[in-house]
Amino acid sequence: MIAGIAAVALAAAAPADPPARPAIPVIAPPPAIADPIGEIIRKTEDAAADAAQTLETQVKATLYYAKIKGMRGRDSLGCKLAPMRTVAVDPSVFPRHSVLFIKQTVGMKMPDGTLHDGFWYASDVGGAIKGLRVDLFTGVTAKSMQAFHALNLATLSAVKVGSFEGCPSARSPAPAPQQIAANTPPN
């Protein structure tokens, strides 16, 4: 009987269920803390990258035409050269596939008799084209360079105003008018 009473006493003293563990509170991550300084830096870097593409760059220009010794009539993309549209560039300054605006060429007479709008295709490179230097393709013969004699080729201004895909043509590579207005620096 004592054993029975002891068993009942132990059973009464022992809880039926093990004690519940205290719940671990779930803590939500704090809301994203704004990083105003970091945001300013990111916006400034983005604006600087955009501005770098639209800044007017002073370049020295040389001219080339199709009958120069060693010319093969194709640009570095493998496309046919477009007279008064193809420009050879240093890709570290102006990436190939860029549309450049060279304001000093506006109004020059094109091979078809129309006036040049100042837009050029950066589709060629050359061994001597390093840094702030460009090489403008004028046409088939040396006579095609005559229109450029009035220009100061040592101080042309070039601005990247867009990009193109495929091969250049004699047609204007001009980007949409709103892009020109946004990317062409004031005179």
N, C-alpha and C. Protein backbone atom coordinates (compact mmCIF):
# COMPACT_ATOMS: atom_id res chain seq x y z
N MET A 1 0.79 -1.15 0.00
CA MET A 1 0.00 0.00 0.00
C MET A 1 0.86 1.26 0.00
N ILE A 2 1.91 1.25 0.73
CA ILE A 2 2.81 2.40 0.75
C ILE A 2 3.34 2.61 -0.65
N ALA A 3 3.61 1.53 -1.37
CA ALA A 3 4.12 1.69 -2.71
C ALA A 3 3.07 2.32 -3.60
N GLY A 4 1.83 1.98 -3.38
CA GLY A 4 0.74 2.54 -4.19
C GLY A 4 0.56 4.01 -3.90
N ILE A 5 0.69 4.38 -2.59
CA ILE A 5 0.52 5.78 -2.23
C ILE A 5 1.68 6.59 -2.82
N ALA A 6 2.86 6.00 -2.78
CA ALA A 6 4.03 6.70 -3.31
C ALA A 6 3.88 6.90 -4.81
N ALA A 7 3.33 5.92 -5.49
CA ALA A 7 3.15 6.02 -6.92
C ALA A 7 2.14 7.10 -7.25
N VAL A 8 1.06 7.17 -6.44
CA VAL A 8 0.03 8.18 -6.67
C VAL A 8 0.61 9.56 -6.39
N ALA A 9 1.42 9.66 -5.33
CA ALA A 9 2.01 10.94 -4.99
C ALA A 9 2.97 11.40 -6.08
N LEU A 10 3.77 10.48 -6.59
CA LEU A 10 4.70 10.83 -7.66
C LEU A 10 3.95 11.23 -8.92
N ALA A 11 2.89 10.49 -9.21
CA ALA A 11 2.11 10.80 -10.40
C ALA A 11 1.46 12.16 -10.27
N ALA A 12 0.99 12.51 -9.07
CA ALA A 12 0.35 13.79 -8.86
C ALA A 12 1.38 14.91 -8.94
N ALA A 13 2.58 14.64 -8.45
CA ALA A 13 3.62 15.65 -8.46
C ALA A 13 4.18 15.87 -9.86
N ALA A 14 4.21 14.83 -10.67
CA ALA A 14 4.78 14.95 -12.02
C ALA A 14 3.74 15.54 -12.96
N PRO A 15 4.09 16.51 -13.70
CA PRO A 15 3.12 17.08 -14.64
C PRO A 15 2.80 16.09 -15.75
N ALA A 16 1.59 16.17 -16.24
CA ALA A 16 1.16 15.25 -17.29
C ALA A 16 1.92 15.53 -18.58
N ASP A 17 2.14 16.75 -18.91
CA ASP A 17 2.87 17.12 -20.13
C ASP A 17 4.18 17.78 -19.73
N PRO A 18 5.21 17.60 -20.54
CA PRO A 18 6.45 18.29 -20.21
C PRO A 18 6.21 19.79 -20.27
N PRO A 19 6.98 20.52 -19.53
CA PRO A 19 6.75 21.98 -19.51
C PRO A 19 6.99 22.57 -20.91
N ALA A 20 6.19 23.50 -21.27
CA ALA A 20 6.32 24.14 -22.58
C ALA A 20 7.56 25.03 -22.59
N ARG A 21 8.26 24.95 -23.67
CA ARG A 21 9.42 25.82 -23.79
C ARG A 21 8.93 27.23 -24.07
N PRO A 22 9.64 28.16 -23.60
CA PRO A 22 9.20 29.52 -23.91
C PRO A 22 9.36 29.77 -25.41
N ALA A 23 8.39 30.40 -26.00
CA ALA A 23 8.43 30.68 -27.44
C ALA A 23 9.53 31.68 -27.74
N ILE A 24 10.25 31.38 -28.80
CA ILE A 24 11.29 32.32 -29.23
C ILE A 24 10.59 33.37 -30.07
N PRO A 25 10.69 34.57 -29.65
CA PRO A 25 9.98 35.61 -30.42
C PRO A 25 10.61 35.76 -31.80
N VAL A 26 9.76 35.93 -32.80
CA VAL A 26 10.21 36.16 -34.16
C VAL A 26 10.37 37.66 -34.32
N ILE A 27 11.56 38.04 -34.63
CA ILE A 27 11.84 39.47 -34.77
C ILE A 27 11.94 39.77 -36.26
N ALA A 28 11.08 40.63 -36.71
CA ALA A 28 11.10 41.04 -38.12
C ALA A 28 12.36 41.87 -38.36
N PRO A 29 12.94 41.72 -39.54
CA PRO A 29 14.12 42.55 -39.81
C PRO A 29 13.72 44.02 -39.79
N PRO A 30 14.64 44.85 -39.39
CA PRO A 30 14.29 46.27 -39.33
C PRO A 30 13.99 46.77 -40.74
N PRO A 31 13.15 47.75 -40.85
CA PRO A 31 12.89 48.29 -42.19
C PRO A 31 14.19 48.81 -42.79
N ALA A 32 14.25 48.77 -44.12
CA ALA A 32 15.46 49.22 -44.80
C ALA A 32 15.78 50.64 -44.37
N ILE A 33 16.97 50.80 -43.91
CA ILE A 33 17.39 52.12 -43.47
C ILE A 33 17.91 52.85 -44.70
N ALA A 34 17.36 54.00 -44.94
CA ALA A 34 17.78 54.78 -46.10
C ALA A 34 19.24 55.17 -45.93
N ASP A 35 19.94 55.11 -47.05
CA ASP A 35 21.34 55.48 -47.06
C ASP A 35 21.45 56.73 -47.93
N PRO A 36 21.11 57.89 -47.35
CA PRO A 36 21.08 59.09 -48.19
C PRO A 36 22.43 59.42 -48.81
N ILE A 37 23.52 59.21 -48.09
CA ILE A 37 24.83 59.52 -48.66
C ILE A 37 25.14 58.56 -49.81
N GLY A 38 24.88 57.26 -49.59
CA GLY A 38 25.11 56.27 -50.64
C GLY A 38 24.25 56.55 -51.86
N GLU A 39 23.01 56.97 -51.63
CA GLU A 39 22.10 57.27 -52.75
C GLU A 39 22.62 58.47 -53.54
N ILE A 40 23.12 59.47 -52.84
CA ILE A 40 23.68 60.64 -53.52
C ILE A 40 24.88 60.24 -54.35
N ILE A 41 25.74 59.40 -53.77
CA ILE A 41 26.93 58.94 -54.50
C ILE A 41 26.52 58.16 -55.74
N ARG A 42 25.55 57.24 -55.60
CA ARG A 42 25.10 56.45 -56.76
C ARG A 42 24.52 57.35 -57.84
N LYS A 43 23.69 58.31 -57.44
CA LYS A 43 23.09 59.21 -58.43
C LYS A 43 24.16 60.06 -59.11
N THR A 44 25.15 60.50 -58.35
CA THR A 44 26.23 61.31 -58.92
C THR A 44 27.04 60.49 -59.90
N GLU A 45 27.34 59.23 -59.54
CA GLU A 45 28.09 58.36 -60.46
C GLU A 45 27.30 58.11 -61.73
N ASP A 46 25.98 57.87 -61.60
CA ASP A 46 25.15 57.64 -62.78
C ASP A 46 25.12 58.89 -63.67
N ALA A 47 24.96 60.06 -63.04
CA ALA A 47 24.93 61.30 -63.81
C ALA A 47 26.26 61.55 -64.49
N ALA A 48 27.36 61.25 -63.81
CA ALA A 48 28.69 61.45 -64.40
C ALA A 48 28.88 60.53 -65.60
N ALA A 49 28.41 59.28 -65.49
CA ALA A 49 28.54 58.35 -66.61
C ALA A 49 27.72 58.83 -67.80
N ASP A 50 26.50 59.33 -67.54
CA ASP A 50 25.68 59.86 -68.63
C ASP A 50 26.33 61.09 -69.25
N ALA A 51 26.85 61.98 -68.41
CA ALA A 51 27.46 63.21 -68.90
C ALA A 51 28.72 62.91 -69.70
N ALA A 52 29.46 61.90 -69.30
CA ALA A 52 30.70 61.56 -70.00
C ALA A 52 30.42 61.22 -71.45
N GLN A 53 29.25 60.63 -71.71
CA GLN A 53 28.91 60.28 -73.09
C GLN A 53 28.44 61.49 -73.88
N THR A 54 28.00 62.55 -73.20
CA THR A 54 27.46 63.69 -73.92
C THR A 54 28.35 64.91 -73.87
N LEU A 55 29.52 64.81 -73.25
CA LEU A 55 30.42 65.95 -73.20
C LEU A 55 31.06 66.17 -74.55
N GLU A 56 31.22 67.40 -74.87
CA GLU A 56 31.89 67.76 -76.11
C GLU A 56 33.38 67.50 -75.91
N THR A 57 33.95 66.71 -76.79
CA THR A 57 35.35 66.34 -76.70
C THR A 57 36.11 66.96 -77.86
N GLN A 58 37.17 67.68 -77.54
CA GLN A 58 38.00 68.26 -78.59
C GLN A 58 38.91 67.17 -79.14
N VAL A 59 38.85 66.96 -80.44
CA VAL A 59 39.65 65.92 -81.08
C VAL A 59 40.44 66.51 -82.24
N LYS A 60 41.51 65.84 -82.55
CA LYS A 60 42.29 66.18 -83.74
C LYS A 60 41.86 65.20 -84.82
N ALA A 61 41.63 65.69 -86.02
CA ALA A 61 41.15 64.83 -87.10
C ALA A 61 42.17 64.72 -88.23
N THR A 62 42.18 63.57 -88.82
CA THR A 62 42.89 63.34 -90.07
C THR A 62 41.85 62.84 -91.06
N LEU A 63 42.22 62.79 -92.31
CA LEU A 63 41.28 62.37 -93.36
C LEU A 63 41.82 61.15 -94.08
N TYR A 64 40.92 60.31 -94.56
CA TYR A 64 41.35 59.20 -95.41
C TYR A 64 40.31 58.96 -96.49
N TYR A 65 40.77 58.39 -97.59
CA TYR A 65 39.89 58.09 -98.71
C TYR A 65 40.21 56.68 -99.21
N ALA A 66 39.37 56.16 -100.08
CA ALA A 66 39.41 54.74 -100.45
C ALA A 66 40.63 54.33 -101.27
N LYS A 67 41.25 55.21 -102.00
CA LYS A 67 42.35 54.79 -102.86
C LYS A 67 43.72 54.97 -102.21
N ILE A 68 43.76 55.14 -100.92
CA ILE A 68 45.04 55.22 -100.20
C ILE A 68 45.63 53.81 -100.18
N LYS A 69 46.94 53.74 -100.34
CA LYS A 69 47.61 52.44 -100.34
C LYS A 69 47.28 51.68 -99.04
N GLY A 70 46.88 50.45 -99.19
CA GLY A 70 46.54 49.62 -98.03
C GLY A 70 45.07 49.63 -97.67
N MET A 71 44.31 50.56 -98.26
CA MET A 71 42.87 50.60 -97.97
C MET A 71 42.19 49.43 -98.65
N ARG A 72 41.23 48.85 -97.93
CA ARG A 72 40.52 47.72 -98.52
C ARG A 72 39.04 48.01 -98.74
N GLY A 73 38.60 49.23 -98.43
CA GLY A 73 37.21 49.62 -98.67
C GLY A 73 36.22 49.11 -97.64
N ARG A 74 36.72 48.53 -96.55
CA ARG A 74 35.84 48.03 -95.48
C ARG A 74 36.32 48.61 -94.15
N ASP A 75 35.37 48.83 -93.25
CA ASP A 75 35.73 49.32 -91.92
C ASP A 75 36.07 48.14 -91.02
N SER A 76 36.36 48.41 -89.77
CA SER A 76 36.77 47.35 -88.85
C SER A 76 35.61 46.43 -88.46
N LEU A 77 34.40 46.81 -88.82
CA LEU A 77 33.24 45.94 -88.59
C LEU A 77 33.03 45.01 -89.79
N GLY A 78 33.80 45.24 -90.87
CA GLY A 78 33.64 44.45 -92.08
C GLY A 78 32.63 45.04 -93.03
N CYS A 79 32.19 46.25 -92.76
CA CYS A 79 31.16 46.91 -93.56
C CYS A 79 31.82 47.84 -94.59
N LYS A 80 31.10 48.10 -95.67
CA LYS A 80 31.57 49.02 -96.70
C LYS A 80 31.65 50.42 -96.09
N LEU A 81 32.74 51.13 -96.40
CA LEU A 81 32.91 52.49 -95.90
C LEU A 81 31.85 53.41 -96.49
N ALA A 82 31.30 54.29 -95.67
CA ALA A 82 30.29 55.25 -96.11
C ALA A 82 30.93 56.64 -96.18
N PRO A 83 31.06 57.20 -97.41
CA PRO A 83 31.70 58.51 -97.54
C PRO A 83 31.02 59.57 -96.68
N MET A 84 31.85 60.34 -95.96
CA MET A 84 31.42 61.43 -95.09
C MET A 84 30.44 60.99 -94.01
N ARG A 85 30.52 59.71 -93.65
CA ARG A 85 29.75 59.16 -92.53
C ARG A 85 30.62 58.29 -91.63
N THR A 86 31.57 57.55 -92.22
CA THR A 86 32.41 56.65 -91.44
C THR A 86 33.53 57.43 -90.78
N VAL A 87 33.73 57.18 -89.50
CA VAL A 87 34.83 57.80 -88.77
C VAL A 87 35.57 56.70 -88.00
N ALA A 88 36.91 56.73 -88.10
CA ALA A 88 37.73 55.81 -87.33
C ALA A 88 38.02 56.47 -85.98
N VAL A 89 37.92 55.68 -84.92
CA VAL A 89 38.06 56.20 -83.55
C VAL A 89 38.96 55.30 -82.72
N ASP A 90 39.38 55.82 -81.59
CA ASP A 90 40.02 55.00 -80.57
C ASP A 90 38.86 54.49 -79.71
N PRO A 91 38.62 53.17 -79.68
CA PRO A 91 37.47 52.64 -78.95
C PRO A 91 37.47 52.94 -77.45
N SER A 92 38.63 53.31 -76.90
CA SER A 92 38.64 53.66 -75.47
C SER A 92 38.09 55.07 -75.25
N VAL A 93 38.01 55.87 -76.31
CA VAL A 93 37.45 57.22 -76.21
C VAL A 93 35.99 57.21 -76.68
N PHE A 94 35.77 56.70 -77.88
CA PHE A 94 34.43 56.56 -78.45
C PHE A 94 34.27 55.10 -78.86
N PRO A 95 33.39 54.35 -78.23
CA PRO A 95 33.21 52.95 -78.61
C PRO A 95 32.71 52.84 -80.06
N ARG A 96 33.16 51.76 -80.74
CA ARG A 96 32.59 51.51 -82.06
C ARG A 96 31.08 51.35 -81.89
N HIS A 97 30.34 51.60 -82.93
CA HIS A 97 28.87 51.59 -82.94
C HIS A 97 28.29 52.86 -82.32
N SER A 98 29.14 53.88 -82.07
CA SER A 98 28.64 55.16 -81.56
C SER A 98 28.26 56.05 -82.74
N VAL A 99 27.24 56.86 -82.53
CA VAL A 99 26.92 57.93 -83.48
C VAL A 99 27.53 59.19 -82.88
N LEU A 100 28.40 59.83 -83.65
CA LEU A 100 29.05 61.06 -83.19
C LEU A 100 28.47 62.26 -83.92
N PHE A 101 28.39 63.36 -83.20
CA PHE A 101 28.01 64.63 -83.82
C PHE A 101 29.26 65.50 -83.83
N ILE A 102 29.70 65.88 -85.02
CA ILE A 102 30.86 66.76 -85.19
C ILE A 102 30.33 68.04 -85.82
N LYS A 103 30.13 69.06 -84.97
CA LYS A 103 29.40 70.24 -85.42
C LYS A 103 30.10 71.00 -86.54
N GLN A 104 31.44 70.92 -86.63
CA GLN A 104 32.15 71.64 -87.69
C GLN A 104 31.85 71.09 -89.08
N THR A 105 31.30 69.89 -89.18
CA THR A 105 30.99 69.31 -90.49
C THR A 105 29.56 69.61 -90.95
N VAL A 106 28.79 70.26 -90.10
CA VAL A 106 27.42 70.62 -90.48
C VAL A 106 27.48 71.60 -91.66
N GLY A 107 26.71 71.30 -92.70
CA GLY A 107 26.63 72.17 -93.87
C GLY A 107 27.62 71.86 -94.97
N MET A 108 28.56 70.91 -94.72
CA MET A 108 29.49 70.53 -95.78
C MET A 108 28.72 69.80 -96.87
N LYS A 109 29.19 69.94 -98.10
CA LYS A 109 28.51 69.30 -99.22
C LYS A 109 28.83 67.80 -99.24
N MET A 110 27.77 66.98 -99.26
CA MET A 110 27.89 65.52 -99.30
C MET A 110 28.07 65.07 -100.75
N PRO A 111 28.53 63.83 -100.97
CA PRO A 111 28.72 63.32 -102.34
C PRO A 111 27.45 63.38 -103.18
N ASP A 112 26.27 63.27 -102.56
CA ASP A 112 25.01 63.31 -103.32
C ASP A 112 24.48 64.73 -103.52
N GLY A 113 25.25 65.73 -103.06
CA GLY A 113 24.84 67.13 -103.23
C GLY A 113 24.10 67.71 -102.04
N THR A 114 23.62 66.89 -101.13
CA THR A 114 22.94 67.42 -99.95
C THR A 114 23.97 67.97 -98.97
N LEU A 115 23.49 68.65 -97.95
CA LEU A 115 24.39 69.21 -96.95
C LEU A 115 24.51 68.27 -95.76
N HIS A 116 25.70 68.19 -95.22
CA HIS A 116 25.98 67.29 -94.10
C HIS A 116 25.28 67.79 -92.84
N ASP A 117 24.76 66.85 -92.07
CA ASP A 117 24.07 67.20 -90.82
C ASP A 117 24.96 67.07 -89.59
N GLY A 118 26.22 66.67 -89.78
CA GLY A 118 27.17 66.58 -88.67
C GLY A 118 27.25 65.23 -87.99
N PHE A 119 26.46 64.25 -88.43
CA PHE A 119 26.46 62.94 -87.78
C PHE A 119 27.36 61.96 -88.52
N TRP A 120 28.14 61.19 -87.72
CA TRP A 120 29.12 60.24 -88.24
C TRP A 120 28.98 58.91 -87.51
N TYR A 121 29.31 57.83 -88.22
CA TYR A 121 29.31 56.49 -87.63
C TYR A 121 30.71 56.12 -87.14
N ALA A 122 30.89 55.80 -85.90
CA ALA A 122 32.18 55.32 -85.37
C ALA A 122 32.24 53.81 -85.63
N SER A 123 32.69 53.45 -86.83
CA SER A 123 32.69 52.03 -87.20
C SER A 123 34.07 51.53 -87.62
N ASP A 124 35.07 52.38 -87.51
CA ASP A 124 36.39 51.98 -87.94
C ASP A 124 37.41 52.34 -86.86
N VAL A 125 38.54 51.68 -86.92
CA VAL A 125 39.68 51.97 -86.05
C VAL A 125 40.91 52.01 -86.95
N GLY A 126 41.99 52.50 -86.41
CA GLY A 126 43.22 52.54 -87.19
C GLY A 126 44.42 52.51 -86.27
N GLY A 127 45.54 52.06 -86.78
CA GLY A 127 46.74 51.95 -85.97
C GLY A 127 47.21 53.27 -85.40
N ALA A 128 46.99 54.37 -86.13
CA ALA A 128 47.44 55.69 -85.67
C ALA A 128 46.37 56.45 -84.91
N ILE A 129 45.20 55.86 -84.79
CA ILE A 129 44.09 56.54 -84.11
C ILE A 129 44.14 56.18 -82.63
N LYS A 130 44.80 57.03 -81.86
CA LYS A 130 44.97 56.80 -80.42
C LYS A 130 44.56 58.06 -79.66
N GLY A 131 43.81 57.86 -78.60
CA GLY A 131 43.41 58.99 -77.76
C GLY A 131 42.39 59.88 -78.45
N LEU A 132 42.58 61.19 -78.29
CA LEU A 132 41.62 62.17 -78.80
C LEU A 132 41.91 62.50 -80.26
N ARG A 133 41.79 61.49 -81.09
CA ARG A 133 42.07 61.60 -82.52
C ARG A 133 41.00 60.81 -83.27
N VAL A 134 40.55 61.35 -84.37
CA VAL A 134 39.60 60.64 -85.24
C VAL A 134 40.12 60.71 -86.67
N ASP A 135 39.65 59.82 -87.50
CA ASP A 135 40.02 59.79 -88.92
C ASP A 135 38.72 59.74 -89.71
N LEU A 136 38.45 60.79 -90.46
CA LEU A 136 37.19 60.93 -91.19
C LEU A 136 37.35 60.38 -92.61
N PHE A 137 36.45 59.46 -92.99
CA PHE A 137 36.47 58.90 -94.35
C PHE A 137 35.72 59.86 -95.25
N THR A 138 36.43 60.36 -96.29
CA THR A 138 35.84 61.40 -97.15
C THR A 138 35.23 60.88 -98.44
N GLY A 139 35.70 59.76 -98.93
CA GLY A 139 35.16 59.24 -100.19
C GLY A 139 36.17 58.39 -100.93
N VAL A 140 36.00 58.30 -102.26
CA VAL A 140 36.80 57.40 -103.07
C VAL A 140 38.16 57.98 -103.43
N THR A 141 38.22 59.26 -103.79
CA THR A 141 39.47 59.85 -104.28
C THR A 141 39.96 60.97 -103.36
N ALA A 142 41.17 61.41 -103.62
CA ALA A 142 41.74 62.52 -102.84
C ALA A 142 40.92 63.80 -103.01
N LYS A 143 40.26 63.95 -104.15
CA LYS A 143 39.43 65.13 -104.39
C LYS A 143 38.30 65.24 -103.36
N SER A 144 37.89 64.10 -102.79
CA SER A 144 36.80 64.12 -101.81
C SER A 144 37.21 64.83 -100.52
N MET A 145 38.49 65.07 -100.34
CA MET A 145 38.96 65.74 -99.12
C MET A 145 38.93 67.26 -99.23
N GLN A 146 38.69 67.81 -100.42
CA GLN A 146 38.74 69.26 -100.62
C GLN A 146 37.82 70.04 -99.70
N ALA A 147 36.62 69.54 -99.47
CA ALA A 147 35.66 70.26 -98.63
C ALA A 147 36.19 70.45 -97.21
N PHE A 148 37.10 69.61 -96.79
CA PHE A 148 37.60 69.67 -95.42
C PHE A 148 38.76 70.65 -95.25
N HIS A 149 39.31 71.15 -96.33
CA HIS A 149 40.46 72.04 -96.23
C HIS A 149 40.12 73.33 -95.47
N ALA A 150 38.88 73.73 -95.45
CA ALA A 150 38.48 74.95 -94.75
C ALA A 150 38.38 74.73 -93.23
N LEU A 151 38.36 73.48 -92.81
CA LEU A 151 38.23 73.19 -91.38
C LEU A 151 39.57 73.20 -90.67
N ASN A 152 39.54 73.56 -89.41
CA ASN A 152 40.72 73.41 -88.56
C ASN A 152 40.65 72.00 -87.99
N LEU A 153 41.32 71.07 -88.61
CA LEU A 153 41.24 69.66 -88.21
C LEU A 153 41.91 69.39 -86.87
N ALA A 154 42.62 70.36 -86.34
CA ALA A 154 43.29 70.17 -85.04
C ALA A 154 42.32 70.36 -83.88
N THR A 155 41.19 71.00 -84.12
CA THR A 155 40.26 71.28 -83.02
C THR A 155 38.81 71.05 -83.41
N LEU A 156 38.46 69.85 -83.72
CA LEU A 156 37.05 69.53 -83.98
C LEU A 156 36.42 69.10 -82.66
N SER A 157 35.13 69.31 -82.54
CA SER A 157 34.43 68.85 -81.34
C SER A 157 33.54 67.69 -81.71
N ALA A 158 33.64 66.62 -80.94
CA ALA A 158 32.85 65.42 -81.18
C ALA A 158 32.06 65.08 -79.92
N VAL A 159 30.82 64.69 -80.12
CA VAL A 159 29.94 64.31 -79.02
C VAL A 159 29.26 63.00 -79.39
N LYS A 160 29.28 62.05 -78.49
CA LYS A 160 28.52 60.82 -78.73
C LYS A 160 27.05 61.13 -78.44
N VAL A 161 26.20 60.93 -79.45
CA VAL A 161 24.78 61.25 -79.29
C VAL A 161 23.88 60.03 -79.43
N GLY A 162 24.46 58.89 -79.67
CA GLY A 162 23.65 57.68 -79.81
C GLY A 162 24.51 56.51 -80.22
N SER A 163 23.87 55.46 -80.65
CA SER A 163 24.58 54.28 -81.13
C SER A 163 23.79 53.67 -82.28
N PHE A 164 24.43 52.78 -83.01
CA PHE A 164 23.79 52.14 -84.15
C PHE A 164 24.13 50.67 -84.15
N GLU A 165 23.36 49.91 -84.89
CA GLU A 165 23.62 48.49 -85.08
C GLU A 165 23.79 48.24 -86.58
N GLY A 166 24.48 47.17 -86.91
CA GLY A 166 24.65 46.83 -88.32
C GLY A 166 25.74 47.64 -88.96
N CYS A 167 25.60 47.86 -90.26
CA CYS A 167 26.61 48.58 -91.03
C CYS A 167 26.17 50.01 -91.30
N PRO A 168 27.14 50.94 -91.32
CA PRO A 168 26.82 52.32 -91.65
C PRO A 168 26.35 52.46 -93.10
N SER A 169 25.64 53.52 -93.38
CA SER A 169 25.21 53.81 -94.73
C SER A 169 25.42 55.28 -95.00
N ALA A 170 25.17 55.69 -96.22
CA ALA A 170 25.31 57.10 -96.56
C ALA A 170 24.17 57.93 -95.97
N ARG A 171 23.10 57.26 -95.57
CA ARG A 171 21.97 57.97 -94.95
C ARG A 171 22.40 58.52 -93.60
N SER A 172 21.66 59.48 -93.15
CA SER A 172 21.97 60.09 -91.86
C SER A 172 21.76 59.09 -90.73
N PRO A 173 22.75 58.95 -89.85
CA PRO A 173 22.58 58.09 -88.68
C PRO A 173 21.95 58.84 -87.52
N ALA A 174 21.40 60.01 -87.81
CA ALA A 174 20.91 60.88 -86.75
C ALA A 174 19.91 60.17 -85.85
N PRO A 175 20.11 60.28 -84.53
CA PRO A 175 19.15 59.73 -83.59
C PRO A 175 17.87 60.57 -83.59
N ALA A 176 16.90 60.14 -82.83
CA ALA A 176 15.63 60.85 -82.75
C ALA A 176 15.87 62.30 -82.32
N PRO A 177 15.06 63.26 -82.83
CA PRO A 177 15.28 64.68 -82.50
C PRO A 177 15.34 64.96 -80.99
N GLN A 178 14.51 64.29 -80.19
CA GLN A 178 14.54 64.55 -78.75
C GLN A 178 15.87 64.10 -78.14
N GLN A 179 16.50 63.06 -78.71
CA GLN A 179 17.79 62.61 -78.20
C GLN A 179 18.87 63.61 -78.58
N ILE A 180 18.77 64.18 -79.77
CA ILE A 180 19.75 65.18 -80.19
C ILE A 180 19.67 66.38 -79.27
N ALA A 181 18.47 66.85 -79.01
CA ALA A 181 18.29 68.02 -78.15
C ALA A 181 18.84 67.75 -76.75
N ALA A 182 18.63 66.55 -76.25
CA ALA A 182 19.08 66.21 -74.90
C ALA A 182 20.58 66.02 -74.82
N ASN A 183 21.21 65.56 -75.90
CA ASN A 183 22.62 65.18 -75.84
C ASN A 183 23.57 66.16 -76.50
N THR A 184 23.07 67.09 -77.27
CA THR A 184 23.96 68.02 -77.94
C THR A 184 24.18 69.23 -77.01
N PRO A 185 25.42 69.48 -76.63
CA PRO A 185 25.68 70.59 -75.73
C PRO A 185 25.38 71.91 -76.41
N PRO A 186 25.06 72.91 -75.62
CA PRO A 186 24.79 74.23 -76.23
C PRO A 186 26.05 74.79 -76.86
N ASN A 187 25.85 75.69 -77.85
CA ASN A 187 27.00 76.30 -78.54
C ASN A 187 27.72 77.25 -77.65
